[in-house]
């Protein structure tokens, strides 16, 4: 691309993309509000319910199995593997943001590689329109560029009725606080200057 001033742009490289259309009909869920009932297909092909009618406190996260960045989906998986060891009543539901690729079989293989105990940690997929709503309710913004999907760290804690208790917007959430929220225990005090970090 040349100019009248003697300079030109060469070796232009596309580094990403943004969605052309944005939706404003679904806002991130505020604390205390229930997530609308959403039926998902789990890693074993069974149906599971997320949101209203779910009947179990739930930690909701988002991943995709071919994620190449170790600081995103594999890191989320490692944190969920640690979290599941502390759960007696709560459960984890990890939803793929790549449902066209992530079949139940691929989700099961990814979960197995992450050390998932499928009695506590379910991996699931939703149809694209349901997934879009589920992502927006979670404050999750997703853009796709070829096979790579850009997304944010999100952890939503829902009570047994599907109401949002708290949303964490990075991967440094305090393990003891999340366990207490899922198990219905008193919340531990926060350390001074500590917002999230405790692994």
N, C-alpha and C. Protein backbone atom coordinates (compact mmCIF):
# COMPACT_ATOMS: atom_id res chain seq x y z
N UNK A 1 0.86 -1.19 0.00
CA UNK A 1 0.00 0.00 0.00
C UNK A 1 0.90 1.23 0.00
N UNK A 2 0.87 2.01 -1.07
CA UNK A 2 1.74 3.17 -1.18
C UNK A 2 1.06 4.46 -0.77
N UNK A 3 1.80 5.55 -0.76
CA UNK A 3 1.25 6.86 -0.42
C UNK A 3 1.91 7.92 -1.30
N UNK A 4 1.38 9.15 -1.25
CA UNK A 4 1.95 10.26 -2.01
C UNK A 4 3.19 10.81 -1.35
N UNK A 5 3.58 10.28 -0.17
CA UNK A 5 4.69 10.84 0.58
C UNK A 5 5.94 9.97 0.50
N UNK A 6 5.93 8.96 -0.37
CA UNK A 6 7.13 8.18 -0.59
C UNK A 6 7.30 6.97 0.32
N UNK A 7 6.31 6.69 1.18
CA UNK A 7 6.41 5.50 2.02
C UNK A 7 5.35 4.50 1.61
N UNK A 8 5.56 3.27 2.01
CA UNK A 8 4.58 2.25 1.70
C UNK A 8 4.55 1.20 2.79
N UNK A 9 3.42 0.52 2.91
CA UNK A 9 3.26 -0.57 3.86
C UNK A 9 3.52 -1.88 3.13
N UNK A 10 4.37 -2.72 3.72
CA UNK A 10 4.67 -4.02 3.14
C UNK A 10 4.54 -5.08 4.21
N UNK A 11 4.45 -6.32 3.81
CA UNK A 11 4.38 -7.45 4.74
C UNK A 11 3.28 -7.26 5.78
N UNK A 12 2.08 -6.89 5.32
CA UNK A 12 0.95 -6.73 6.23
C UNK A 12 0.50 -8.10 6.71
N UNK A 13 0.35 -8.23 8.00
CA UNK A 13 -0.06 -9.50 8.58
C UNK A 13 -1.32 -9.33 9.41
N UNK A 14 -2.30 -10.15 9.14
CA UNK A 14 -3.53 -10.14 9.93
C UNK A 14 -3.25 -10.84 11.26
N UNK A 15 -3.54 -10.16 12.36
CA UNK A 15 -3.24 -10.73 13.68
C UNK A 15 -4.48 -11.10 14.46
N UNK A 16 -5.65 -10.77 13.96
CA UNK A 16 -6.87 -11.13 14.69
C UNK A 16 -8.10 -10.58 14.01
N UNK A 17 -9.22 -10.79 14.65
CA UNK A 17 -10.47 -10.30 14.10
C UNK A 17 -11.42 -9.97 15.23
N UNK A 18 -12.41 -9.16 14.94
CA UNK A 18 -13.44 -8.84 15.91
C UNK A 18 -14.78 -9.10 15.26
N UNK A 19 -15.79 -9.42 16.05
CA UNK A 19 -17.10 -9.67 15.45
C UNK A 19 -17.67 -8.40 14.85
N UNK A 20 -18.35 -8.55 13.70
CA UNK A 20 -18.94 -7.39 13.04
C UNK A 20 -20.24 -6.99 13.71
N UNK A 21 -20.96 -7.95 14.23
CA UNK A 21 -22.23 -7.67 14.86
C UNK A 21 -22.11 -7.90 16.37
N UNK A 22 -22.67 -7.02 17.14
CA UNK A 22 -22.69 -7.20 18.59
C UNK A 22 -24.14 -7.24 19.05
N UNK A 23 -24.37 -7.97 20.10
CA UNK A 23 -25.73 -8.10 20.64
C UNK A 23 -25.82 -7.34 21.94
N UNK A 24 -26.94 -6.65 22.11
CA UNK A 24 -27.16 -5.95 23.38
C UNK A 24 -28.45 -6.43 24.05
N UNK A 25 -28.99 -7.57 23.57
CA UNK A 25 -30.23 -8.07 24.15
C UNK A 25 -29.99 -9.01 25.33
N UNK A 26 -28.74 -9.44 25.54
CA UNK A 26 -28.40 -10.30 26.67
C UNK A 26 -27.24 -9.65 27.42
N UNK A 27 -27.48 -9.27 28.66
CA UNK A 27 -26.46 -8.62 29.48
C UNK A 27 -25.84 -9.63 30.43
N UNK A 28 -24.61 -9.37 30.89
CA UNK A 28 -24.03 -10.26 31.89
C UNK A 28 -24.94 -10.38 33.12
N UNK A 29 -25.02 -11.57 33.63
CA UNK A 29 -25.91 -11.87 34.75
C UNK A 29 -25.45 -11.15 36.01
N UNK A 30 -26.33 -10.40 36.69
CA UNK A 30 -25.94 -9.76 37.95
C UNK A 30 -26.07 -10.74 39.12
N UNK A 31 -25.30 -10.54 40.18
CA UNK A 31 -25.41 -11.42 41.34
C UNK A 31 -26.84 -11.49 41.87
N UNK A 32 -27.26 -12.69 42.23
CA UNK A 32 -28.60 -12.91 42.75
C UNK A 32 -29.62 -13.29 41.70
N UNK A 33 -29.29 -13.07 40.43
CA UNK A 33 -30.23 -13.40 39.35
C UNK A 33 -29.98 -14.82 38.85
N UNK A 34 -31.04 -15.53 38.48
CA UNK A 34 -30.86 -16.89 37.99
C UNK A 34 -30.45 -16.91 36.52
N UNK A 35 -29.58 -17.83 36.20
CA UNK A 35 -29.25 -18.11 34.81
C UNK A 35 -30.44 -18.83 34.19
N UNK A 36 -30.94 -18.38 33.03
CA UNK A 36 -32.04 -19.12 32.39
C UNK A 36 -31.67 -20.58 32.15
N UNK A 37 -32.65 -21.44 32.28
CA UNK A 37 -32.42 -22.86 32.11
C UNK A 37 -31.83 -23.15 30.73
N UNK A 38 -30.75 -23.90 30.72
CA UNK A 38 -30.10 -24.28 29.48
C UNK A 38 -29.78 -25.77 29.54
N UNK A 39 -30.22 -26.51 28.53
CA UNK A 39 -29.92 -27.93 28.47
C UNK A 39 -28.69 -28.15 27.60
N UNK A 40 -27.77 -28.93 28.12
CA UNK A 40 -26.50 -29.20 27.47
C UNK A 40 -26.35 -30.70 27.22
N UNK A 41 -25.42 -31.03 26.32
CA UNK A 41 -25.06 -32.43 26.10
C UNK A 41 -23.70 -32.67 26.72
N UNK A 42 -23.63 -33.60 27.66
CA UNK A 42 -22.40 -33.85 28.41
C UNK A 42 -21.45 -34.76 27.65
N UNK A 43 -20.29 -34.95 28.25
CA UNK A 43 -19.22 -35.74 27.62
C UNK A 43 -19.58 -37.21 27.40
N UNK A 44 -20.58 -37.69 28.12
CA UNK A 44 -21.02 -39.08 27.92
C UNK A 44 -22.28 -39.16 27.06
N UNK A 45 -22.70 -38.01 26.49
CA UNK A 45 -23.88 -37.98 25.64
C UNK A 45 -25.18 -37.73 26.38
N UNK A 46 -25.14 -37.69 27.71
CA UNK A 46 -26.35 -37.46 28.48
C UNK A 46 -26.69 -35.98 28.52
N UNK A 47 -27.94 -35.68 28.86
CA UNK A 47 -28.38 -34.29 28.98
C UNK A 47 -28.17 -33.80 30.41
N UNK A 48 -27.66 -32.60 30.55
CA UNK A 48 -27.55 -31.98 31.86
C UNK A 48 -28.16 -30.58 31.79
N UNK A 49 -28.61 -30.11 32.94
CA UNK A 49 -29.26 -28.80 33.03
C UNK A 49 -28.33 -27.82 33.74
N UNK A 50 -28.24 -26.64 33.17
CA UNK A 50 -27.49 -25.55 33.77
C UNK A 50 -28.44 -24.38 33.94
N UNK A 51 -28.35 -23.70 35.09
CA UNK A 51 -29.25 -22.59 35.35
C UNK A 51 -30.46 -23.03 36.16
N UNK A 52 -31.59 -22.38 35.95
CA UNK A 52 -32.79 -22.72 36.71
C UNK A 52 -33.13 -24.20 36.57
N UNK A 53 -33.29 -24.86 37.71
CA UNK A 53 -33.59 -26.29 37.71
C UNK A 53 -32.39 -27.19 37.75
N UNK A 54 -31.21 -26.62 37.99
CA UNK A 54 -30.00 -27.45 37.94
C UNK A 54 -29.82 -28.32 39.19
N UNK A 55 -30.32 -27.91 40.34
CA UNK A 55 -30.35 -28.73 41.56
C UNK A 55 -28.99 -29.00 42.22
N UNK A 56 -27.95 -28.32 41.82
CA UNK A 56 -26.64 -28.49 42.49
C UNK A 56 -25.84 -27.20 42.33
N UNK A 57 -25.15 -26.75 43.39
CA UNK A 57 -24.25 -25.61 43.23
C UNK A 57 -23.23 -25.92 42.14
N UNK A 58 -22.94 -24.94 41.30
CA UNK A 58 -22.16 -25.21 40.10
C UNK A 58 -21.12 -24.14 39.85
N UNK A 59 -19.91 -24.58 39.49
CA UNK A 59 -18.87 -23.71 38.96
C UNK A 59 -18.89 -23.84 37.45
N UNK A 60 -19.14 -22.75 36.74
CA UNK A 60 -19.24 -22.76 35.29
C UNK A 60 -18.01 -22.11 34.69
N UNK A 61 -17.36 -22.82 33.76
CA UNK A 61 -16.22 -22.28 33.03
C UNK A 61 -16.40 -22.56 31.54
N UNK A 62 -15.52 -21.92 30.74
CA UNK A 62 -15.58 -22.04 29.29
C UNK A 62 -14.19 -22.40 28.76
N UNK A 63 -14.14 -23.37 27.84
CA UNK A 63 -12.87 -23.77 27.22
C UNK A 63 -13.14 -24.21 25.78
N UNK A 64 -12.08 -24.51 25.04
CA UNK A 64 -12.22 -25.33 23.83
C UNK A 64 -11.01 -26.24 23.76
N UNK A 65 -11.23 -27.46 23.28
CA UNK A 65 -10.23 -28.52 23.47
C UNK A 65 -8.97 -28.33 22.64
N UNK A 66 -9.04 -27.62 21.51
CA UNK A 66 -7.83 -27.43 20.71
C UNK A 66 -7.14 -26.10 21.00
N UNK A 67 -7.44 -25.51 22.13
CA UNK A 67 -6.80 -24.25 22.55
C UNK A 67 -5.29 -24.44 22.63
N UNK A 68 -4.51 -23.62 21.93
CA UNK A 68 -3.06 -23.80 21.91
C UNK A 68 -2.31 -23.04 23.00
N UNK A 69 -3.01 -22.20 23.75
CA UNK A 69 -2.35 -21.32 24.73
C UNK A 69 -2.38 -21.96 26.11
N UNK A 70 -1.24 -22.35 26.65
CA UNK A 70 -1.23 -23.02 27.96
C UNK A 70 -1.70 -22.16 29.11
N UNK A 71 -1.75 -20.84 28.91
CA UNK A 71 -2.22 -19.96 29.98
C UNK A 71 -3.73 -19.79 29.97
N UNK A 72 -4.41 -20.40 29.00
CA UNK A 72 -5.87 -20.30 28.96
C UNK A 72 -6.51 -21.66 29.24
N UNK A 73 -7.01 -22.36 28.25
CA UNK A 73 -7.81 -23.56 28.52
C UNK A 73 -7.07 -24.63 29.32
N UNK A 74 -5.82 -24.96 29.00
CA UNK A 74 -5.13 -25.93 29.85
C UNK A 74 -4.98 -25.45 31.29
N UNK A 75 -4.77 -24.15 31.48
CA UNK A 75 -4.66 -23.62 32.84
C UNK A 75 -6.01 -23.69 33.56
N UNK A 76 -7.08 -23.40 32.83
CA UNK A 76 -8.42 -23.53 33.42
C UNK A 76 -8.68 -24.98 33.81
N UNK A 77 -8.30 -25.91 32.94
CA UNK A 77 -8.46 -27.32 33.25
C UNK A 77 -7.70 -27.73 34.50
N UNK A 78 -6.48 -27.25 34.64
CA UNK A 78 -5.68 -27.58 35.82
C UNK A 78 -6.33 -27.05 37.09
N UNK A 79 -6.89 -25.85 37.02
CA UNK A 79 -7.55 -25.29 38.19
C UNK A 79 -8.83 -26.05 38.54
N UNK A 80 -9.56 -26.49 37.53
CA UNK A 80 -10.76 -27.28 37.79
C UNK A 80 -10.40 -28.63 38.40
N UNK A 81 -9.30 -29.21 37.94
CA UNK A 81 -8.84 -30.49 38.51
C UNK A 81 -8.52 -30.33 39.99
N UNK A 82 -7.92 -29.19 40.36
CA UNK A 82 -7.63 -28.93 41.77
C UNK A 82 -8.92 -28.69 42.55
N UNK A 83 -9.85 -27.94 41.95
CA UNK A 83 -11.10 -27.62 42.63
C UNK A 83 -11.93 -28.87 42.92
N UNK A 84 -11.99 -29.80 41.97
CA UNK A 84 -12.85 -30.98 42.15
C UNK A 84 -12.46 -31.81 43.37
N UNK A 85 -11.20 -31.74 43.76
CA UNK A 85 -10.73 -32.53 44.90
C UNK A 85 -11.37 -32.08 46.21
N UNK A 86 -11.92 -30.87 46.24
CA UNK A 86 -12.49 -30.31 47.46
C UNK A 86 -14.01 -30.34 47.49
N UNK A 87 -14.64 -30.89 46.46
CA UNK A 87 -16.10 -30.82 46.34
C UNK A 87 -16.76 -32.09 46.85
N UNK A 88 -17.82 -31.88 47.64
CA UNK A 88 -18.66 -32.97 48.10
C UNK A 88 -20.08 -32.84 47.53
N UNK A 89 -20.58 -31.61 47.47
CA UNK A 89 -21.94 -31.36 47.01
C UNK A 89 -21.96 -30.55 45.71
N UNK A 90 -20.99 -29.69 45.53
CA UNK A 90 -20.95 -28.87 44.32
C UNK A 90 -20.44 -29.65 43.13
N UNK A 91 -20.60 -29.05 41.96
CA UNK A 91 -20.11 -29.67 40.73
C UNK A 91 -19.48 -28.60 39.85
N UNK A 92 -18.75 -29.05 38.86
CA UNK A 92 -18.14 -28.19 37.86
C UNK A 92 -18.78 -28.52 36.51
N UNK A 93 -19.14 -27.49 35.76
CA UNK A 93 -19.59 -27.69 34.38
C UNK A 93 -18.71 -26.80 33.50
N UNK A 94 -17.98 -27.43 32.60
CA UNK A 94 -17.12 -26.71 31.67
C UNK A 94 -17.74 -26.82 30.28
N UNK A 95 -18.07 -25.67 29.70
CA UNK A 95 -18.77 -25.63 28.41
C UNK A 95 -17.79 -25.24 27.32
N UNK A 96 -17.81 -25.99 26.22
CA UNK A 96 -16.94 -25.64 25.10
C UNK A 96 -17.51 -24.45 24.34
N UNK A 97 -16.62 -23.57 23.90
CA UNK A 97 -17.01 -22.45 23.05
C UNK A 97 -16.75 -22.79 21.57
N UNK A 98 -16.46 -24.07 21.31
CA UNK A 98 -16.18 -24.55 19.96
C UNK A 98 -17.03 -25.80 19.69
N UNK A 99 -18.37 -25.65 19.72
CA UNK A 99 -19.22 -26.84 19.66
C UNK A 99 -19.18 -27.57 18.32
N UNK A 100 -18.78 -26.89 17.24
CA UNK A 100 -18.70 -27.57 15.95
C UNK A 100 -17.59 -28.61 15.94
N UNK A 101 -16.52 -28.35 16.68
CA UNK A 101 -15.40 -29.28 16.73
C UNK A 101 -15.49 -30.22 17.93
N UNK A 102 -15.90 -29.67 19.07
CA UNK A 102 -15.84 -30.42 20.33
C UNK A 102 -17.07 -31.30 20.52
N UNK A 103 -16.98 -32.50 20.00
CA UNK A 103 -18.00 -33.51 20.20
C UNK A 103 -17.93 -34.01 21.64
N UNK A 104 -18.96 -34.71 22.11
CA UNK A 104 -18.85 -35.31 23.44
C UNK A 104 -17.62 -36.20 23.59
N UNK A 105 -17.26 -36.91 22.55
CA UNK A 105 -16.08 -37.79 22.61
C UNK A 105 -14.80 -36.97 22.80
N UNK A 106 -14.69 -35.85 22.09
CA UNK A 106 -13.50 -35.01 22.25
C UNK A 106 -13.48 -34.36 23.64
N UNK A 107 -14.63 -33.96 24.13
CA UNK A 107 -14.69 -33.40 25.48
C UNK A 107 -14.28 -34.43 26.52
N UNK A 108 -14.74 -35.66 26.35
CA UNK A 108 -14.38 -36.71 27.30
C UNK A 108 -12.88 -36.97 27.28
N UNK A 109 -12.29 -36.99 26.09
CA UNK A 109 -10.85 -37.22 25.98
C UNK A 109 -10.07 -36.08 26.63
N UNK A 110 -10.51 -34.84 26.41
CA UNK A 110 -9.84 -33.69 27.01
C UNK A 110 -9.97 -33.74 28.53
N UNK A 111 -11.17 -34.03 29.01
CA UNK A 111 -11.38 -34.11 30.44
C UNK A 111 -10.54 -35.21 31.07
N UNK A 112 -10.46 -36.35 30.41
CA UNK A 112 -9.64 -37.45 30.92
C UNK A 112 -8.18 -37.03 31.01
N UNK A 113 -7.69 -36.33 29.98
CA UNK A 113 -6.31 -35.85 30.00
C UNK A 113 -6.07 -34.85 31.12
N UNK A 114 -7.12 -34.10 31.48
CA UNK A 114 -7.00 -33.11 32.56
C UNK A 114 -7.18 -33.74 33.94
N UNK A 115 -7.54 -35.01 34.00
CA UNK A 115 -7.75 -35.68 35.28
C UNK A 115 -9.15 -35.49 35.84
N UNK A 116 -10.13 -35.27 34.98
CA UNK A 116 -11.51 -35.02 35.45
C UNK A 116 -12.10 -36.25 36.11
N UNK A 117 -12.73 -36.02 37.25
CA UNK A 117 -13.60 -37.01 37.88
C UNK A 117 -15.01 -36.66 37.40
N UNK A 118 -15.55 -37.46 36.49
CA UNK A 118 -16.80 -37.09 35.83
C UNK A 118 -18.02 -37.18 36.76
N UNK A 119 -17.84 -37.65 37.98
CA UNK A 119 -18.92 -37.57 38.95
C UNK A 119 -19.01 -36.17 39.57
N UNK A 120 -17.95 -35.37 39.41
CA UNK A 120 -17.91 -34.01 39.95
C UNK A 120 -17.75 -32.95 38.88
N UNK A 121 -17.11 -33.32 37.79
CA UNK A 121 -16.74 -32.34 36.76
C UNK A 121 -17.26 -32.83 35.42
N UNK A 122 -18.25 -32.10 34.89
CA UNK A 122 -18.85 -32.46 33.60
C UNK A 122 -18.35 -31.49 32.53
N UNK A 123 -18.12 -32.02 31.36
CA UNK A 123 -17.79 -31.20 30.19
C UNK A 123 -18.97 -31.30 29.23
N UNK A 124 -19.33 -30.18 28.62
CA UNK A 124 -20.58 -30.16 27.87
C UNK A 124 -20.52 -29.21 26.69
N UNK A 125 -21.45 -29.42 25.78
CA UNK A 125 -21.58 -28.54 24.63
C UNK A 125 -23.04 -28.11 24.50
N UNK A 126 -23.22 -26.94 23.90
CA UNK A 126 -24.56 -26.41 23.63
C UNK A 126 -24.65 -26.10 22.15
N UNK A 127 -25.86 -26.09 21.63
CA UNK A 127 -26.07 -25.65 20.26
C UNK A 127 -25.63 -24.19 20.15
N UNK A 128 -25.15 -23.76 18.97
CA UNK A 128 -24.55 -22.44 18.84
C UNK A 128 -25.39 -21.28 19.38
N UNK A 129 -26.71 -21.26 19.12
CA UNK A 129 -27.53 -20.15 19.61
C UNK A 129 -27.62 -20.16 21.14
N UNK A 130 -27.78 -21.33 21.72
CA UNK A 130 -27.79 -21.43 23.19
C UNK A 130 -26.45 -21.04 23.76
N UNK A 131 -25.37 -21.46 23.08
CA UNK A 131 -24.03 -21.14 23.55
C UNK A 131 -23.79 -19.63 23.55
N UNK A 132 -24.27 -18.96 22.51
CA UNK A 132 -24.08 -17.50 22.44
C UNK A 132 -24.73 -16.82 23.64
N UNK A 133 -25.95 -17.21 23.97
CA UNK A 133 -26.62 -16.64 25.14
C UNK A 133 -25.85 -16.97 26.42
N UNK A 134 -25.42 -18.23 26.55
CA UNK A 134 -24.71 -18.67 27.74
C UNK A 134 -23.41 -17.89 27.92
N UNK A 135 -22.72 -17.62 26.83
CA UNK A 135 -21.50 -16.84 26.90
C UNK A 135 -21.80 -15.39 27.31
N UNK A 136 -22.82 -14.80 26.72
CA UNK A 136 -23.14 -13.40 27.04
C UNK A 136 -23.59 -13.26 28.49
N UNK A 137 -24.40 -14.20 29.01
CA UNK A 137 -24.79 -14.15 30.41
C UNK A 137 -23.57 -14.22 31.33
N UNK A 138 -22.54 -14.92 30.87
CA UNK A 138 -21.33 -15.05 31.67
C UNK A 138 -20.32 -13.94 31.46
N UNK A 139 -20.67 -12.94 30.66
CA UNK A 139 -19.71 -11.87 30.38
C UNK A 139 -18.54 -12.37 29.56
N UNK A 140 -18.77 -13.42 28.81
CA UNK A 140 -17.72 -14.06 28.02
C UNK A 140 -17.81 -13.57 26.58
N UNK A 141 -16.76 -12.91 26.11
CA UNK A 141 -16.72 -12.41 24.74
C UNK A 141 -15.82 -13.32 23.91
N UNK A 142 -16.34 -13.80 22.81
CA UNK A 142 -15.65 -14.80 22.00
C UNK A 142 -15.51 -14.29 20.58
N UNK A 143 -14.30 -14.38 20.03
CA UNK A 143 -14.07 -14.10 18.61
C UNK A 143 -13.29 -15.26 18.03
N UNK A 144 -13.63 -15.61 16.80
CA UNK A 144 -12.96 -16.73 16.13
C UNK A 144 -12.18 -16.21 14.94
N UNK A 145 -10.97 -16.75 14.77
CA UNK A 145 -10.13 -16.40 13.63
C UNK A 145 -9.51 -17.70 13.13
N UNK A 146 -10.16 -18.30 12.14
CA UNK A 146 -9.73 -19.61 11.70
C UNK A 146 -10.00 -20.64 12.79
N UNK A 147 -9.00 -21.41 13.12
CA UNK A 147 -9.15 -22.42 14.17
C UNK A 147 -8.87 -21.90 15.56
N UNK A 148 -8.44 -20.65 15.68
CA UNK A 148 -8.10 -20.09 16.98
C UNK A 148 -9.26 -19.24 17.50
N UNK A 149 -9.61 -19.44 18.76
CA UNK A 149 -10.73 -18.71 19.36
C UNK A 149 -10.20 -17.88 20.51
N UNK A 150 -10.50 -16.59 20.47
CA UNK A 150 -10.10 -15.70 21.57
C UNK A 150 -11.25 -15.59 22.55
N UNK A 151 -10.92 -15.72 23.83
CA UNK A 151 -11.95 -15.63 24.86
C UNK A 151 -11.31 -15.15 26.15
N UNK A 152 -12.14 -14.96 27.17
CA UNK A 152 -11.68 -14.44 28.45
C UNK A 152 -11.75 -15.53 29.51
N UNK A 153 -10.95 -15.36 30.55
CA UNK A 153 -11.10 -16.22 31.72
C UNK A 153 -12.41 -15.84 32.42
N UNK A 154 -13.27 -16.81 32.64
CA UNK A 154 -14.51 -16.57 33.36
C UNK A 154 -14.81 -17.78 34.23
N UNK A 155 -15.15 -17.51 35.48
CA UNK A 155 -15.65 -18.54 36.39
C UNK A 155 -16.90 -17.99 37.06
N UNK A 156 -18.03 -18.65 36.85
CA UNK A 156 -19.29 -18.25 37.47
C UNK A 156 -19.65 -19.26 38.54
N UNK A 157 -20.01 -18.79 39.71
CA UNK A 157 -20.47 -19.65 40.79
C UNK A 157 -21.97 -19.48 40.91
N UNK A 158 -22.70 -20.57 40.68
CA UNK A 158 -24.15 -20.56 40.74
C UNK A 158 -24.61 -21.40 41.93
N UNK A 159 -25.67 -20.93 42.62
CA UNK A 159 -26.20 -21.74 43.72
C UNK A 159 -27.06 -22.87 43.15
N UNK A 160 -27.63 -23.68 44.04
CA UNK A 160 -28.37 -24.86 43.59
C UNK A 160 -29.58 -24.51 42.73
N UNK A 161 -30.10 -23.27 42.86
CA UNK A 161 -31.24 -22.83 42.05
C UNK A 161 -30.80 -22.14 40.76
N UNK A 162 -29.50 -22.09 40.52
CA UNK A 162 -29.00 -21.48 39.30
C UNK A 162 -28.78 -19.99 39.38
N UNK A 163 -28.86 -19.41 40.61
CA UNK A 163 -28.62 -17.96 40.76
C UNK A 163 -27.13 -17.69 40.88
N UNK A 164 -26.71 -16.57 40.28
CA UNK A 164 -25.29 -16.21 40.33
C UNK A 164 -24.90 -15.76 41.73
N UNK A 165 -23.88 -16.41 42.28
CA UNK A 165 -23.31 -15.98 43.55
C UNK A 165 -22.19 -14.98 43.30
N UNK A 166 -21.28 -15.35 42.42
CA UNK A 166 -20.15 -14.46 42.12
C UNK A 166 -19.56 -14.84 40.77
N UNK A 167 -19.01 -13.83 40.08
CA UNK A 167 -18.30 -14.07 38.83
C UNK A 167 -16.86 -13.63 39.01
N UNK A 168 -15.93 -14.50 38.64
CA UNK A 168 -14.50 -14.18 38.69
C UNK A 168 -14.01 -13.98 37.27
N UNK A 169 -13.28 -12.90 37.04
CA UNK A 169 -12.90 -12.51 35.69
C UNK A 169 -11.45 -12.77 35.36
N UNK A 170 -10.77 -13.59 36.14
CA UNK A 170 -9.43 -14.05 35.79
C UNK A 170 -9.25 -15.42 36.41
N UNK A 171 -8.05 -15.97 36.29
CA UNK A 171 -7.84 -17.33 36.79
C UNK A 171 -7.21 -17.35 38.18
N UNK A 172 -7.22 -16.20 38.85
CA UNK A 172 -6.56 -16.12 40.17
C UNK A 172 -7.56 -16.12 41.32
N UNK A 173 -8.71 -16.73 41.10
CA UNK A 173 -9.71 -16.79 42.16
C UNK A 173 -9.22 -17.63 43.33
N UNK A 174 -9.61 -17.26 44.55
CA UNK A 174 -9.15 -17.99 45.74
C UNK A 174 -9.87 -19.32 45.89
N UNK A 175 -9.11 -20.38 45.91
CA UNK A 175 -9.68 -21.73 45.97
C UNK A 175 -10.57 -21.91 47.19
N UNK A 176 -10.12 -21.45 48.36
CA UNK A 176 -10.91 -21.67 49.58
C UNK A 176 -12.25 -20.93 49.51
N UNK A 177 -12.27 -19.76 48.90
CA UNK A 177 -13.52 -19.00 48.78
C UNK A 177 -14.50 -19.70 47.84
N UNK A 178 -14.00 -20.17 46.70
CA UNK A 178 -14.85 -20.85 45.74
C UNK A 178 -15.39 -22.15 46.33
N UNK A 179 -14.56 -22.90 47.02
CA UNK A 179 -15.02 -24.13 47.67
C UNK A 179 -16.12 -23.81 48.68
N UNK A 180 -15.93 -22.77 49.49
CA UNK A 180 -16.93 -22.38 50.48
C UNK A 180 -18.25 -22.00 49.79
N UNK A 181 -18.17 -21.28 48.68
CA UNK A 181 -19.38 -20.87 47.97
C UNK A 181 -20.12 -22.09 47.40
N UNK A 182 -19.40 -23.06 46.90
CA UNK A 182 -20.02 -24.23 46.31
C UNK A 182 -20.54 -25.22 47.35
N UNK A 183 -19.90 -25.23 48.52
CA UNK A 183 -20.26 -26.20 49.55
C UNK A 183 -21.16 -25.60 50.63
N UNK A 184 -21.48 -24.30 50.51
CA UNK A 184 -22.37 -23.66 51.48
C UNK A 184 -21.73 -23.43 52.83
N UNK A 185 -20.42 -23.21 52.85
CA UNK A 185 -19.71 -22.98 54.10
C UNK A 185 -19.49 -21.47 54.30
N UNK A 186 -19.18 -21.05 55.52
CA UNK A 186 -18.85 -19.63 55.74
C UNK A 186 -17.65 -19.23 54.89
N UNK A 187 -17.71 -18.03 54.36
CA UNK A 187 -16.62 -17.56 53.51
C UNK A 187 -15.40 -17.24 54.35
N UNK A 188 -14.21 -17.65 53.91
CA UNK A 188 -12.99 -17.29 54.63
C UNK A 188 -12.71 -15.80 54.47
N UNK A 189 -12.05 -15.18 55.44
CA UNK A 189 -11.72 -13.76 55.29
C UNK A 189 -10.69 -13.57 54.18
N UNK A 190 -10.81 -12.46 53.49
CA UNK A 190 -9.81 -12.13 52.47
C UNK A 190 -8.58 -11.54 53.14
N UNK A 191 -7.42 -11.92 52.63
CA UNK A 191 -6.19 -11.31 53.12
C UNK A 191 -6.11 -9.88 52.60
N UNK A 192 -5.48 -9.00 53.38
CA UNK A 192 -5.36 -7.61 52.95
C UNK A 192 -4.56 -7.53 51.67
N UNK A 193 -5.12 -6.83 50.70
CA UNK A 193 -4.46 -6.70 49.41
C UNK A 193 -4.60 -7.91 48.51
N UNK A 194 -5.34 -8.90 48.96
CA UNK A 194 -5.51 -10.11 48.16
C UNK A 194 -6.94 -10.15 47.62
N UNK A 195 -7.04 -10.01 46.30
CA UNK A 195 -8.36 -10.08 45.68
C UNK A 195 -8.69 -11.47 45.22
N UNK A 196 -7.71 -12.10 44.59
CA UNK A 196 -8.02 -13.37 43.94
C UNK A 196 -7.02 -14.47 44.26
N UNK A 197 -5.73 -14.14 44.34
CA UNK A 197 -4.70 -15.17 44.27
C UNK A 197 -4.70 -16.11 45.46
N UNK A 198 -4.95 -17.35 45.21
CA UNK A 198 -4.71 -18.41 46.17
C UNK A 198 -4.86 -19.71 45.44
N UNK A 199 -3.81 -20.42 45.23
CA UNK A 199 -3.88 -21.64 44.44
C UNK A 199 -3.64 -22.82 45.27
